[in-house]
Amino acid sequence: MSSRDYIKSPLGLFIIYLAVSFLLIVLFQFVFPADEAPLRIYFFIWRCNNGLEDFLYLLPALILSGILIPFGLLYYDDSFSLYSPRFLNLMKGPIVTAIAAALLYVCSVFLFVPLSQQAAAAMRFQARLFTEARERVLIHAVRLEWAQAIPFINTCERIWPNNPDINSILETVDIRDESITSVLSSRRTVPYSSPEAPPANNYDGPATAGGAISMAREALEEERYYDAHWLATLALRLAQSKSQEQAQAASLADAAWQAIGIVPELESHDLYNRKRDGYDAFLAENWIKAYYIFDWFIEHSLNDSEIDNFFAITLNEIQNCAFFVDELEQLKMQIFNNLLLSIPDTSSGSRIILRMEELSIQNGYSSGRNVEIIILDSTNTVRLEVKADYSKVVPVLINNQPQTRFILQALGRYDEELRWDPVFSPSEFAAGYLTFDITYNDFLALTKLSTSTVDQLSVLELFTAARQYSSFGYLKPIFYAELLYRFVEAMFFMPLTIIILAMGWRYRAKNYTRFFIIVFCLIAPVIFMILLSCYRSILNILIIGAIVSFGFPLSAVLFIAGDIMLFIGSLLVLAKS
């Protein structure tokens, strides 16, 4: 018996073969890249990730080739009796290799492939975010608006530290201007903060009519007549009809209003009229007009405690009907393009068709550009059509039910002339926002479904889509077919490795193969890749046919039973070999 009649470590040879294949594929990506890295800083990791994606795509063929290779590296001078100790000792290594190969393939399907796709998507998103932030830095730099440029500079440096584009922009700053250099010098230490974050409301409104009356009296004594009138008006709303509290509140409101109506001295007449207009808009709940009036006082440092309170309340209320366009520039966590959703309204039987050119997921809300909303009634007749340049999507709670609000009115934070109003058709339904009966989390999930293919979704997302989103224009069989395909392909791979193991033993090398094994290592993956492509196509057709004909539960049972039978059959084939 020759010393080469069995292999001491088939698993080690299998690992070496896969490792060498991976290195060659990655090297090929460096020499002949499929595409360029989205940012130069990602050059190395992008090439490696592309190589990993190609390796995972070829992995099934490489695994089957790796199982066969040990049988081409040995030759035998005599025969073996079936199930002899020598035979079992010889086959122990290849069987362990086959089991490890099947487990490796399952991990690649459910772990490595999704991680690789997520890494590529993350790098593309970071590159897009960097490009947008760099453009905003250029715009603010031309206008010498360095304070506004700081968040975008921080974003660029977080993604690409010390990048040449931002450094070249900062080199143009006049270092003699201390107001500029003092701001820029702290750009690395000052964390990103939202420039549109509303000031804290330092005014706690009363919860009862008695509390409001007490605070109104205090404000009247301190000659804060606007506060007194507003508190008395609030007490009127909280008090019971024809009660003593209602009478007291009415008396206080009348006294405060008379005090407000006293014409001030001539030099403050314009300020009086402006403050009065702001307060009238506040009482009429015209929050947008009141906001700009009170903001004028704060900008010119003419505000007092009353204006500060009203401004904080106004700013809080305005967020329910409009938003500031600079909120679109906040830090983005994800971006979707060409969004198209179909949302049913179960309460009215209508359906909402939503289209957005771009949707950005941000911290706690989303923002959209070029929005079009069409509402159809139960007969599919267009009831309302809305178009807006910008939209802010926020979660709201109405009657303890989570819903999603689309705020369609965009404003300039400091410029009253900057305003983007939605266009309603018919116009009598015009409003600043629309609220739909769908949770915000469901909206985000549907957004990903709308902009992704089924093979880009995780197993959990496929389950959720199949169970919950069939009424949103998606077909259950599509998701069930993808789910069943992933599990069946992974399950069927184990019997396939055993069959290949049996073939390797039956057609093992009987003579020293010399350099033929090198040729085999190159040709075998190509042959297996062709066979696996045919196998996957047939399997996909069978799964789709089964899902359509029998439904998901019965189809899953049939394929599991088929896999068990195939596994037993493969063991019999191996035993006969």
Protein backbone atom coordinates (compact mmCIF):
# COMPACT_ATOMS: atom_id res chain seq x y z
CA MET A 1 0.00 0.00 0.00
CA SER A 2 1.33 3.41 -0.98
CA SER A 3 1.70 6.22 1.47
CA ARG A 4 -0.55 8.31 -0.82
CA ASP A 5 -3.61 6.10 -0.53
CA TYR A 6 -5.47 8.48 1.70
CA ILE A 7 -5.44 12.17 2.47
CA LYS A 8 -4.57 13.23 5.95
CA SER A 9 -6.59 16.48 5.93
CA PRO A 10 -9.29 16.93 3.24
CA LEU A 11 -10.81 19.76 5.28
CA GLY A 12 -7.48 21.60 5.34
CA LEU A 13 -7.13 21.20 1.58
CA PHE A 14 -10.71 22.44 1.16
CA ILE A 15 -10.00 25.55 3.23
CA ILE A 16 -6.78 26.26 1.32
CA TYR A 17 -8.61 25.93 -1.99
CA LEU A 18 -11.33 28.40 -0.94
CA ALA A 19 -8.78 30.82 0.54
CA VAL A 20 -6.68 30.83 -2.64
CA SER A 21 -9.81 31.26 -4.75
CA PHE A 22 -10.91 34.22 -2.63
CA LEU A 23 -7.51 35.90 -2.91
CA LEU A 24 -7.43 35.42 -6.69
CA ILE A 25 -10.94 36.84 -7.09
CA VAL A 26 -10.12 39.88 -4.93
CA LEU A 27 -6.89 40.40 -6.85
CA PHE A 28 -8.85 40.26 -10.09
CA GLN A 29 -11.10 43.03 -8.77
CA PHE A 30 -8.08 45.21 -8.04
CA VAL A 31 -6.68 44.67 -11.53
CA PHE A 32 -9.97 44.68 -13.46
CA PRO A 33 -12.52 46.47 -11.25
CA ALA A 34 -16.19 46.10 -12.09
CA ASP A 35 -16.85 49.71 -11.03
CA GLU A 36 -15.09 52.57 -9.32
CA ALA A 37 -15.34 53.22 -5.60
CA PRO A 38 -17.96 55.89 -4.74
CA LEU A 39 -15.26 57.79 -2.79
CA ARG A 40 -11.49 57.57 -3.08
CA ILE A 41 -11.23 56.89 0.64
CA TYR A 42 -13.19 53.66 0.04
CA PHE A 43 -10.84 52.42 -2.70
CA PHE A 44 -9.41 49.42 -0.83
CA ILE A 45 -12.50 48.31 1.07
CA TRP A 46 -14.69 48.76 -2.03
CA ARG A 47 -12.46 46.49 -4.11
CA CYS A 48 -12.38 43.92 -1.32
CA ASN A 49 -16.14 44.00 -0.90
CA ASN A 50 -16.68 43.60 -4.64
CA GLY A 51 -14.31 40.66 -4.57
CA LEU A 52 -16.25 39.20 -1.64
CA GLU A 53 -19.54 39.57 -3.53
CA ASP A 54 -18.10 37.77 -6.56
CA PHE A 55 -16.63 35.07 -4.32
CA LEU A 56 -19.98 34.51 -2.60
CA TYR A 57 -21.69 34.30 -5.98
CA LEU A 58 -19.22 31.62 -7.09
CA LEU A 59 -19.09 29.94 -3.66
CA PRO A 60 -21.46 27.00 -4.43
CA ALA A 61 -19.39 25.99 -7.46
CA LEU A 62 -16.15 26.43 -5.51
CA ILE A 63 -17.49 24.34 -2.62
CA LEU A 64 -18.46 21.45 -4.90
CA SER A 65 -15.08 21.66 -6.64
CA GLY A 66 -13.31 21.73 -3.26
CA ILE A 67 -15.10 18.54 -2.23
CA LEU A 68 -13.86 16.73 -5.36
CA ILE A 69 -10.25 17.91 -5.25
CA PRO A 70 -9.06 15.49 -2.51
CA PHE A 71 -10.13 12.55 -4.67
CA GLY A 72 -7.89 13.77 -7.46
CA LEU A 73 -4.79 14.05 -5.31
CA LEU A 74 -4.50 10.34 -4.38
CA TYR A 75 -4.26 7.04 -6.20
CA TYR A 76 -4.98 3.50 -5.06
CA ASP A 77 -3.24 0.24 -5.85
CA ASP A 78 -5.88 -2.00 -4.33
CA SER A 79 -9.57 -2.06 -3.63
CA PHE A 80 -11.43 -1.47 -0.43
CA SER A 81 -14.11 -3.59 1.10
CA LEU A 82 -17.35 -1.77 1.87
CA TYR A 83 -17.56 -0.41 5.46
CA SER A 84 -14.13 -1.77 6.38
CA PRO A 85 -12.26 0.14 9.12
CA ARG A 86 -9.82 1.37 6.49
CA PHE A 87 -12.68 2.61 4.29
CA LEU A 88 -14.42 4.39 7.17
CA ASN A 89 -11.17 5.98 8.27
CA LEU A 90 -10.57 7.15 4.73
CA MET A 91 -14.05 8.69 4.28
CA LYS A 92 -14.18 10.41 7.65
CA GLY A 93 -12.32 13.48 6.40
CA PRO A 94 -14.35 13.99 3.17
CA ILE A 95 -17.65 13.57 5.06
CA VAL A 96 -16.62 16.19 7.64
CA THR A 97 -15.63 18.43 4.73
CA ALA A 98 -19.04 17.98 3.09
CA ILE A 99 -20.85 18.88 6.31
CA ALA A 100 -18.64 21.94 6.83
CA ALA A 101 -19.24 22.96 3.20
CA ALA A 102 -23.02 22.77 3.63
CA LEU A 103 -22.87 24.85 6.80
CA LEU A 104 -20.62 27.38 5.10
CA TYR A 105 -23.10 27.75 2.25
CA VAL A 106 -26.02 28.26 4.65
CA CYS A 107 -24.02 30.98 6.44
CA SER A 108 -23.22 32.64 3.13
CA VAL A 109 -26.90 32.73 2.09
CA PHE A 110 -28.29 34.08 5.35
CA LEU A 111 -25.34 36.05 6.75
CA PHE A 112 -22.40 36.85 4.48
CA VAL A 113 -24.37 37.90 1.38
CA PRO A 114 -26.67 40.32 3.30
CA LEU A 115 -23.70 41.81 5.17
CA SER A 116 -21.81 42.35 1.93
CA GLN A 117 -24.81 44.03 0.30
CA GLN A 118 -25.33 46.25 3.34
CA ALA A 119 -21.67 47.29 3.31
CA ALA A 120 -21.86 48.28 -0.36
CA ALA A 121 -25.12 50.19 0.20
CA ALA A 122 -23.64 51.99 3.22
CA MET A 123 -20.59 53.14 1.23
CA ARG A 124 -22.79 54.39 -1.61
CA PHE A 125 -24.97 56.29 0.84
CA GLN A 126 -21.99 57.84 2.63
CA ALA A 127 -20.59 58.93 -0.73
CA ARG A 128 -23.88 60.55 -1.69
CA LEU A 129 -24.13 62.24 1.70
CA PHE A 130 -20.57 63.53 1.37
CA THR A 131 -21.28 64.92 -2.11
CA GLU A 132 -24.41 66.75 -0.94
CA ALA A 133 -22.68 68.13 2.16
CA ARG A 134 -19.70 69.29 0.09
CA GLU A 135 -22.05 71.14 -2.28
CA ARG A 136 -23.70 72.87 0.68
CA VAL A 137 -20.28 73.87 2.03
CA LEU A 138 -19.43 75.43 -1.34
CA ILE A 139 -22.70 77.37 -1.40
CA HIS A 140 -22.26 78.72 2.14
CA ALA A 141 -18.58 79.45 1.54
CA VAL A 142 -19.41 81.66 -1.46
CA ARG A 143 -21.87 83.55 0.73
CA LEU A 144 -19.37 83.64 3.63
CA GLU A 145 -21.99 81.92 5.80
CA TRP A 146 -19.47 79.95 7.82
CA ALA A 147 -21.72 79.34 10.82
CA GLN A 148 -24.25 77.63 8.53
CA ALA A 149 -21.48 75.67 6.84
CA ILE A 150 -20.19 74.10 10.07
CA PRO A 151 -22.68 71.15 10.19
CA PHE A 152 -21.85 70.23 6.60
CA ILE A 153 -18.10 70.54 7.19
CA ASN A 154 -18.50 68.21 10.17
CA THR A 155 -20.43 65.76 8.00
CA CYS A 156 -17.72 65.77 5.35
CA GLU A 157 -14.94 65.26 7.89
CA ARG A 158 -16.86 62.51 9.66
CA ILE A 159 -17.08 60.58 6.40
CA TRP A 160 -13.67 61.56 4.98
CA PRO A 161 -11.31 63.07 7.59
CA ASN A 162 -8.92 65.72 6.25
CA ASN A 163 -10.34 65.38 2.75
CA PRO A 164 -8.64 67.62 0.18
CA ASP A 165 -11.87 69.17 -1.15
CA ILE A 166 -12.89 70.68 2.19
CA ASN A 167 -9.31 71.64 3.06
CA SER A 168 -8.99 73.54 -0.23
CA ILE A 169 -12.17 75.46 0.56
CA LEU A 170 -10.97 76.34 4.06
CA GLU A 171 -7.64 77.54 2.68
CA THR A 172 -9.50 80.42 1.03
CA VAL A 173 -10.64 81.80 4.38
CA ASP A 174 -9.07 85.09 5.39
CA ILE A 175 -7.18 84.11 8.53
CA ARG A 176 -7.18 87.76 9.62
CA ASP A 177 -10.94 87.58 10.14
CA GLU A 178 -11.12 86.43 13.75
CA SER A 179 -14.91 85.97 13.63
CA ILE A 180 -14.48 83.35 10.91
CA THR A 181 -11.41 81.57 12.20
CA SER A 182 -12.85 81.29 15.71
CA VAL A 183 -15.87 79.48 14.31
CA LEU A 184 -13.87 77.19 12.03
CA SER A 185 -11.29 76.35 14.68
CA SER A 186 -13.93 74.61 16.75
CA ARG A 187 -15.42 72.63 13.88
CA ARG A 188 -13.79 69.36 14.99
CA THR A 189 -14.90 69.63 18.59
CA VAL A 190 -18.40 71.04 18.23
CA PRO A 191 -20.84 68.18 17.65
CA TYR A 192 -23.50 68.40 15.02
CA SER A 193 -26.55 70.21 16.33
CA SER A 194 -29.76 70.91 14.52
CA PRO A 195 -29.88 74.59 13.54
CA GLU A 196 -33.66 74.44 13.41
CA ALA A 197 -34.20 72.96 16.84
CA PRO A 198 -36.94 75.05 18.50
CA PRO A 199 -36.10 76.93 21.66
CA ALA A 200 -37.30 75.35 24.87
CA ASN A 201 -40.76 76.49 25.86
CA ASN A 202 -40.12 78.10 29.24
CA TYR A 203 -43.79 78.74 29.77
CA ASP A 204 -45.86 76.00 31.41
CA GLY A 205 -49.50 76.60 30.62
CA PRO A 206 -52.07 75.99 33.35
CA ALA A 207 -54.04 72.77 33.33
CA THR A 208 -57.14 74.10 35.14
CA ALA A 209 -59.32 77.20 34.92
CA GLY A 210 -58.41 78.19 38.47
CA GLY A 211 -54.71 78.02 37.69
CA ALA A 212 -55.16 80.10 34.55
CA ILE A 213 -57.14 82.77 36.48
CA SER A 214 -54.46 82.97 39.16
CA MET A 215 -51.69 83.37 36.59
CA ALA A 216 -53.76 85.94 34.66
CA ARG A 217 -54.15 88.08 37.79
CA GLU A 218 -50.41 87.90 38.40
CA ALA A 219 -49.65 88.93 34.84
CA LEU A 220 -52.14 91.81 35.04
CA GLU A 221 -50.49 93.12 38.20
CA GLU A 222 -47.08 92.93 36.50
CA GLU A 223 -48.48 94.84 33.48
CA ARG A 224 -47.96 91.89 31.20
CA TYR A 225 -51.29 92.54 29.53
CA TYR A 226 -50.88 90.20 26.57
CA ASP A 227 -50.04 87.33 28.88
CA ALA A 228 -52.95 88.25 31.10
CA HIS A 229 -55.43 88.33 28.22
CA TRP A 230 -54.21 85.03 26.78
CA LEU A 231 -54.35 83.32 30.18
CA ALA A 232 -57.84 84.69 30.84
CA THR A 233 -58.95 83.49 27.38
CA LEU A 234 -57.51 80.07 28.17
CA ALA A 235 -59.39 80.06 31.48
CA LEU A 236 -62.63 80.76 29.58
CA ARG A 237 -62.05 77.61 27.54
CA LEU A 238 -61.25 75.50 30.61
CA ALA A 239 -64.03 76.78 32.88
CA GLN A 240 -67.43 75.16 33.04
CA SER A 241 -70.34 77.02 31.44
CA LYS A 242 -72.05 79.64 33.66
CA SER A 243 -69.64 79.01 36.51
CA GLN A 244 -68.00 81.57 38.79
CA GLU A 245 -64.63 80.82 37.20
CA GLN A 246 -66.03 81.67 33.79
CA ALA A 247 -67.24 85.04 35.04
CA GLN A 248 -63.88 85.82 36.66
CA ALA A 249 -62.03 84.85 33.50
CA ALA A 250 -64.28 87.05 31.37
CA SER A 251 -63.70 89.99 33.71
CA LEU A 252 -59.92 89.52 33.63
CA ALA A 253 -59.91 89.17 29.85
CA ASP A 254 -61.90 92.39 29.47
CA ALA A 255 -59.55 94.27 31.81
CA ALA A 256 -56.46 93.00 30.02
CA TRP A 257 -57.92 93.85 26.61
CA GLN A 258 -58.69 97.37 27.68
CA ALA A 259 -55.11 97.74 28.91
CA ILE A 260 -53.83 96.40 25.60
CA GLY A 261 -55.96 98.96 23.76
CA ILE A 262 -54.38 101.94 25.48
CA VAL A 263 -52.39 103.83 22.84
CA PRO A 264 -48.71 103.94 23.91
CA GLU A 265 -46.35 106.80 23.57
CA LEU A 266 -45.59 107.99 20.06
CA GLU A 267 -42.06 106.57 19.84
CA SER A 268 -43.29 103.02 20.47
CA HIS A 269 -46.45 103.20 18.35
CA ASP A 270 -45.05 101.07 15.50
CA LEU A 271 -43.81 98.43 17.90
CA TYR A 272 -47.17 98.44 19.60
CA ASN A 273 -49.01 97.86 16.31
CA ARG A 274 -46.61 95.08 15.30
CA LYS A 275 -46.95 93.32 18.65
CA ARG A 276 -50.72 93.75 18.52
CA ASP A 277 -50.83 92.22 15.03
CA GLY A 278 -48.75 89.30 16.23
CA TYR A 279 -51.03 88.73 19.18
CA ASP A 280 -54.15 88.96 17.00
CA ALA A 281 -52.64 86.33 14.68
CA PHE A 282 -51.78 84.24 17.74
CA LEU A 283 -55.38 84.35 19.01
CA ALA A 284 -56.68 83.51 15.52
CA GLU A 285 -54.27 80.54 15.44
CA ASN A 286 -52.60 81.94 12.34
CA TRP A 287 -49.33 80.45 13.53
CA ILE A 288 -47.27 81.28 10.44
CA LYS A 289 -48.02 85.00 10.53
CA ALA A 290 -47.55 85.14 14.30
CA TYR A 291 -44.21 83.33 14.00
CA TYR A 292 -42.67 85.87 11.61
CA ILE A 293 -43.90 88.82 13.66
CA PHE A 294 -42.50 87.49 16.94
CA ASP A 295 -39.32 86.39 15.17
CA TRP A 296 -38.82 90.00 14.00
CA PHE A 297 -38.84 91.18 17.62
CA ILE A 298 -36.31 88.50 18.62
CA GLU A 299 -34.07 89.24 15.63
CA HIS A 300 -33.97 92.95 16.56
CA SER A 301 -33.54 92.20 20.29
CA LEU A 302 -36.84 93.92 21.07
CA ASN A 303 -38.44 90.92 22.65
CA ASP A 304 -39.76 90.71 26.17
CA SER A 305 -40.99 87.83 28.31
CA GLU A 306 -44.43 87.93 26.64
CA ILE A 307 -42.99 87.70 23.14
CA ASP A 308 -40.62 84.92 24.20
CA ASN A 309 -43.54 82.89 25.54
CA PHE A 310 -45.74 83.48 22.50
CA PHE A 311 -42.87 82.74 20.13
CA ALA A 312 -42.15 79.42 21.83
CA ILE A 313 -45.82 78.43 21.71
CA THR A 314 -46.12 79.56 18.09
CA LEU A 315 -43.03 77.63 17.06
CA ASN A 316 -44.39 74.52 18.73
CA GLU A 317 -47.79 74.87 17.03
CA ILE A 318 -46.39 75.65 13.60
CA GLN A 319 -44.74 72.25 13.46
CA ASN A 320 -48.20 70.69 13.11
CA CYS A 321 -49.05 72.52 9.88
CA ALA A 322 -45.76 73.55 8.23
CA PHE A 323 -42.02 73.04 8.40
CA PHE A 324 -38.88 75.01 7.63
CA VAL A 325 -37.14 74.13 4.41
CA ASP A 326 -33.71 74.08 6.06
CA GLU A 327 -34.80 70.94 7.93
CA LEU A 328 -34.18 69.11 4.65
CA GLU A 329 -30.47 69.77 5.18
CA GLN A 330 -30.24 67.91 8.46
CA LEU A 331 -28.14 64.78 8.80
CA LYS A 332 -29.62 62.02 6.62
CA MET A 333 -29.50 58.36 7.57
CA GLN A 334 -30.94 56.86 4.37
CA ILE A 335 -32.08 58.08 0.95
CA PHE A 336 -34.63 56.49 -1.40
CA ASN A 337 -35.33 57.56 -4.97
CA ASN A 338 -38.43 57.29 -7.17
CA LEU A 339 -40.76 56.20 -4.40
CA LEU A 340 -44.22 54.92 -5.38
CA LEU A 341 -46.68 53.68 -2.73
CA SER A 342 -50.30 52.54 -2.71
CA ILE A 343 -51.87 53.02 0.74
CA PRO A 344 -55.42 51.82 1.50
CA ASP A 345 -57.73 53.80 3.79
CA THR A 346 -59.84 51.16 5.50
CA SER A 347 -62.15 53.67 7.17
CA SER A 348 -63.37 55.29 3.93
CA GLY A 349 -62.58 52.60 1.39
CA SER A 350 -60.37 55.00 -0.55
CA ARG A 351 -56.79 54.51 -1.68
CA ILE A 352 -53.85 56.92 -1.56
CA ILE A 353 -51.28 56.87 -4.35
CA LEU A 354 -48.04 58.52 -3.21
CA ARG A 355 -45.10 59.37 -5.45
CA MET A 356 -41.86 61.05 -4.38
CA GLU A 357 -38.79 61.80 -6.42
CA GLU A 358 -36.63 61.52 -3.30
CA LEU A 359 -37.24 60.57 0.33
CA SER A 360 -34.60 61.11 3.02
CA ILE A 361 -34.85 59.31 6.36
CA GLN A 362 -33.70 61.60 9.15
CA ASN A 363 -33.73 61.56 12.93
CA GLY A 364 -37.37 61.06 13.92
CA TYR A 365 -38.91 62.13 10.61
CA SER A 366 -38.51 61.95 6.84
CA SER A 367 -38.35 64.62 4.16
CA GLY A 368 -39.42 64.35 0.55
CA ARG A 369 -38.94 66.29 -2.66
CA ASN A 370 -41.31 66.65 -5.63
CA VAL A 371 -44.27 64.99 -3.94
CA GLU A 372 -47.49 63.97 -5.66
CA ILE A 373 -50.47 62.51 -3.78
CA ILE A 374 -53.62 61.17 -5.45
CA ILE A 375 -56.60 60.04 -3.41
CA LEU A 376 -59.04 57.66 -5.12
CA ASP A 377 -62.50 56.82 -3.83
CA SER A 378 -63.98 53.32 -3.66
CA THR A 379 -64.82 53.48 -7.40
CA ASN A 380 -61.21 54.44 -8.29
CA THR A 381 -62.28 57.96 -9.21
CA VAL A 382 -59.80 60.73 -8.42
CA ARG A 383 -61.16 62.62 -5.42
CA LEU A 384 -58.13 64.78 -4.62
CA GLU A 385 -54.77 65.48 -6.22
CA VAL A 386 -51.97 67.28 -4.41
CA LYS A 387 -48.56 68.40 -5.63
CA ALA A 388 -45.84 69.86 -3.40
CA ASP A 389 -42.19 70.75 -3.88
CA TYR A 390 -41.28 69.56 -0.39
CA SER A 391 -42.83 67.41 2.31
CA LYS A 392 -42.05 66.44 5.86
CA VAL A 393 -43.33 63.06 7.05
CA VAL A 394 -43.78 62.70 10.81
CA PRO A 395 -45.44 60.17 13.13
CA VAL A 396 -48.48 61.47 15.02
CA LEU A 397 -50.88 60.05 17.60
CA ILE A 398 -54.56 60.76 16.96
CA ASN A 399 -57.17 59.29 19.32
CA ASN A 400 -54.44 57.00 20.69
CA GLN A 401 -53.93 55.60 17.18
CA PRO A 402 -50.48 55.97 15.55
CA GLN A 403 -50.75 57.60 12.14
CA THR A 404 -48.50 59.35 9.64
CA ARG A 405 -48.77 63.03 8.71
CA PHE A 406 -47.47 64.54 5.48
CA ILE A 407 -46.75 68.23 6.08
CA LEU A 408 -46.76 69.87 2.65
CA GLN A 409 -46.18 73.56 3.43
CA ALA A 410 -42.52 74.61 3.51
CA LEU A 411 -41.31 77.94 4.90
CA GLY A 412 -38.13 79.93 5.06
CA ARG A 413 -36.98 80.12 8.66
CA TYR A 414 -35.98 83.77 8.57
CA ASP A 415 -37.49 85.02 5.30
CA GLU A 416 -41.26 85.35 5.09
CA GLU A 417 -41.08 85.59 1.30
CA LEU A 418 -39.64 82.09 1.00
CA ARG A 419 -42.68 79.86 0.94
CA TRP A 420 -43.64 76.70 -0.91
CA ASP A 421 -47.36 75.97 -0.74
CA PRO A 422 -48.93 72.74 -1.99
CA VAL A 423 -51.28 72.81 -4.97
CA PHE A 424 -54.63 71.11 -4.29
CA SER A 425 -57.08 70.05 -6.96
CA PRO A 426 -59.92 70.78 -6.23
CA SER A 427 -58.60 73.87 -4.42
CA GLU A 428 -61.36 73.97 -1.77
CA PHE A 429 -59.62 71.08 0.00
CA ALA A 430 -56.38 73.06 0.36
CA ALA A 431 -54.55 72.52 3.64
CA GLY A 432 -51.02 72.50 4.98
CA TYR A 433 -50.93 68.77 5.66
CA LEU A 434 -52.62 65.41 5.12
CA THR A 435 -52.86 62.63 7.69
CA PHE A 436 -53.13 58.98 6.65
CA ASP A 437 -54.15 55.91 8.63
CA ILE A 438 -50.80 54.13 8.51
CA THR A 439 -48.11 53.88 11.14
CA TYR A 440 -44.78 55.57 10.52
CA ASN A 441 -42.90 52.27 10.85
CA ASP A 442 -45.15 50.70 8.22
CA PHE A 443 -44.52 53.71 5.98
CA LEU A 444 -40.75 53.22 6.28
CA ALA A 445 -41.09 49.48 5.62
CA LEU A 446 -43.19 50.14 2.52
CA THR A 447 -40.62 52.68 1.38
CA LYS A 448 -37.91 50.02 1.39
CA LEU A 449 -40.21 47.54 -0.35
CA SER A 450 -40.99 50.08 -3.07
CA THR A 451 -37.33 50.80 -3.83
CA SER A 452 -35.87 47.29 -3.42
CA THR A 453 -36.05 43.97 -5.19
CA VAL A 454 -37.09 40.86 -3.27
CA ASP A 455 -33.56 39.46 -3.26
CA GLN A 456 -32.39 42.59 -1.38
CA LEU A 457 -34.80 42.02 1.51
CA SER A 458 -33.96 40.13 4.66
CA VAL A 459 -35.85 37.01 5.74
CA LEU A 460 -37.70 38.97 8.43
CA GLU A 461 -38.68 41.69 5.94
CA LEU A 462 -39.99 39.04 3.53
CA PHE A 463 -42.11 37.46 6.28
CA THR A 464 -43.47 40.87 7.32
CA ALA A 465 -44.24 41.90 3.75
CA ALA A 466 -46.05 38.66 2.98
CA ARG A 467 -48.16 38.83 6.15
CA GLN A 468 -48.98 42.56 6.40
CA TYR A 469 -48.56 44.39 3.11
CA SER A 470 -50.70 42.46 0.62
CA SER A 471 -53.31 45.26 0.78
CA PHE A 472 -50.67 47.81 -0.25
CA GLY A 473 -50.42 46.55 -3.82
CA TYR A 474 -47.93 43.71 -3.24
CA LEU A 475 -48.57 40.06 -4.07
CA LYS A 476 -48.00 37.54 -1.30
CA PRO A 477 -46.72 34.79 -3.67
CA ILE A 478 -43.73 36.97 -4.63
CA PHE A 479 -42.46 37.15 -1.06
CA TYR A 480 -43.37 33.56 -0.21
CA ALA A 481 -41.59 32.33 -3.32
CA GLU A 482 -38.41 34.18 -2.39
CA LEU A 483 -38.60 32.91 1.18
CA LEU A 484 -39.12 29.32 0.08
CA TYR A 485 -36.39 29.61 -2.54
CA ARG A 486 -33.79 30.74 0.01
CA PHE A 487 -34.59 27.96 2.48
CA VAL A 488 -35.00 25.23 -0.14
CA GLU A 489 -31.76 26.13 -1.93
CA ALA A 490 -29.90 26.01 1.39
CA MET A 491 -31.55 22.72 2.43
CA PHE A 492 -30.98 21.03 -0.92
CA PHE A 493 -27.30 21.87 -0.86
CA MET A 494 -26.52 19.25 1.80
CA PRO A 495 -27.80 16.31 -0.30
CA LEU A 496 -26.00 17.83 -3.26
CA THR A 497 -22.67 17.78 -1.44
CA ILE A 498 -23.22 14.11 -0.49
CA ILE A 499 -23.96 13.21 -4.11
CA ILE A 500 -20.79 15.02 -5.21
CA LEU A 501 -18.92 13.18 -2.46
CA ALA A 502 -20.20 9.86 -3.82
CA MET A 503 -19.20 10.84 -7.35
CA GLY A 504 -15.76 11.83 -6.14
CA TRP A 505 -15.27 8.45 -4.49
CA ARG A 506 -16.57 6.47 -7.45
CA TYR A 507 -14.41 8.32 -9.97
CA ARG A 508 -11.41 8.82 -7.69
CA ALA A 509 -7.95 8.90 -9.21
CA LYS A 510 -6.42 5.43 -9.56
CA ASN A 511 -3.08 6.79 -10.73
CA TYR A 512 -0.91 9.76 -9.89
CA THR A 513 -2.63 12.74 -11.57
CA ARG A 514 0.43 14.98 -11.81
CA PHE A 515 -0.57 18.42 -13.15
CA PHE A 516 -4.04 17.39 -14.25
CA ILE A 517 -5.40 18.43 -10.85
CA ILE A 518 -4.42 22.06 -11.57
CA VAL A 519 -6.49 22.02 -14.75
CA PHE A 520 -9.33 20.42 -12.82
CA CYS A 521 -9.26 23.20 -10.20
CA LEU A 522 -9.78 25.76 -12.97
CA ILE A 523 -12.36 23.90 -15.07
CA ALA A 524 -14.51 22.32 -12.32
CA PRO A 525 -15.94 25.63 -10.98
CA VAL A 526 -16.99 26.63 -14.51
CA ILE A 527 -18.78 23.31 -15.07
CA PHE A 528 -20.46 23.42 -11.69
CA MET A 529 -21.49 27.06 -12.19
CA ILE A 530 -23.29 26.13 -15.43
CA LEU A 531 -25.01 23.17 -13.77
CA LEU A 532 -25.98 25.24 -10.72
CA SER A 533 -27.45 27.96 -12.94
CA CYS A 534 -29.68 25.38 -14.61
CA TYR A 535 -30.52 23.86 -11.22
CA ARG A 536 -31.48 27.25 -9.76
CA SER A 537 -33.65 28.14 -12.74
CA ILE A 538 -35.53 24.85 -12.54
CA LEU A 539 -35.88 25.16 -8.76
CA ASN A 540 -37.21 28.70 -9.07
CA ILE A 541 -39.81 27.63 -11.64
CA LEU A 542 -40.91 24.71 -9.45
CA ILE A 543 -41.24 26.93 -6.38
CA ILE A 544 -43.27 29.59 -8.18
CA GLY A 545 -45.54 26.92 -9.66
CA ALA A 546 -46.02 25.28 -6.27
CA ILE A 547 -46.79 28.58 -4.53
CA VAL A 548 -49.36 29.54 -7.15
CA SER A 549 -50.95 26.08 -7.21
CA PHE A 550 -50.84 24.96 -3.59
CA GLY A 551 -50.06 28.04 -1.51
CA PHE A 552 -47.13 28.60 0.81
CA PRO A 553 -47.80 26.14 3.69
CA LEU A 554 -48.40 23.08 1.49
CA SER A 555 -45.54 24.01 -0.84
CA ALA A 556 -43.17 24.29 2.12
CA VAL A 557 -44.25 20.84 3.36
CA LEU A 558 -43.78 19.31 -0.10
CA PHE A 559 -40.29 20.74 -0.55
CA ILE A 560 -39.21 19.77 2.97
CA ALA A 561 -40.42 16.23 2.30
CA GLY A 562 -38.60 16.27 -1.03
CA ASP A 563 -35.42 17.43 0.67
CA ILE A 564 -35.65 14.62 3.25
CA MET A 565 -36.16 12.05 0.50
CA LEU A 566 -33.26 13.50 -1.48
CA PHE A 567 -31.04 13.42 1.61
CA ILE A 568 -31.86 9.75 2.25
CA GLY A 569 -31.31 8.95 -1.41
CA SER A 570 -27.94 10.69 -1.41
CA LEU A 571 -26.87 8.64 1.59
CA LEU A 572 -27.89 5.47 -0.25
CA VAL A 573 -25.91 6.56 -3.29
CA LEU A 574 -22.88 7.19 -1.08
CA ALA A 575 -23.32 3.79 0.60
CA LYS A 576 -23.50 1.98 -2.75
CA SER A 577 -20.38 3.78 -3.93
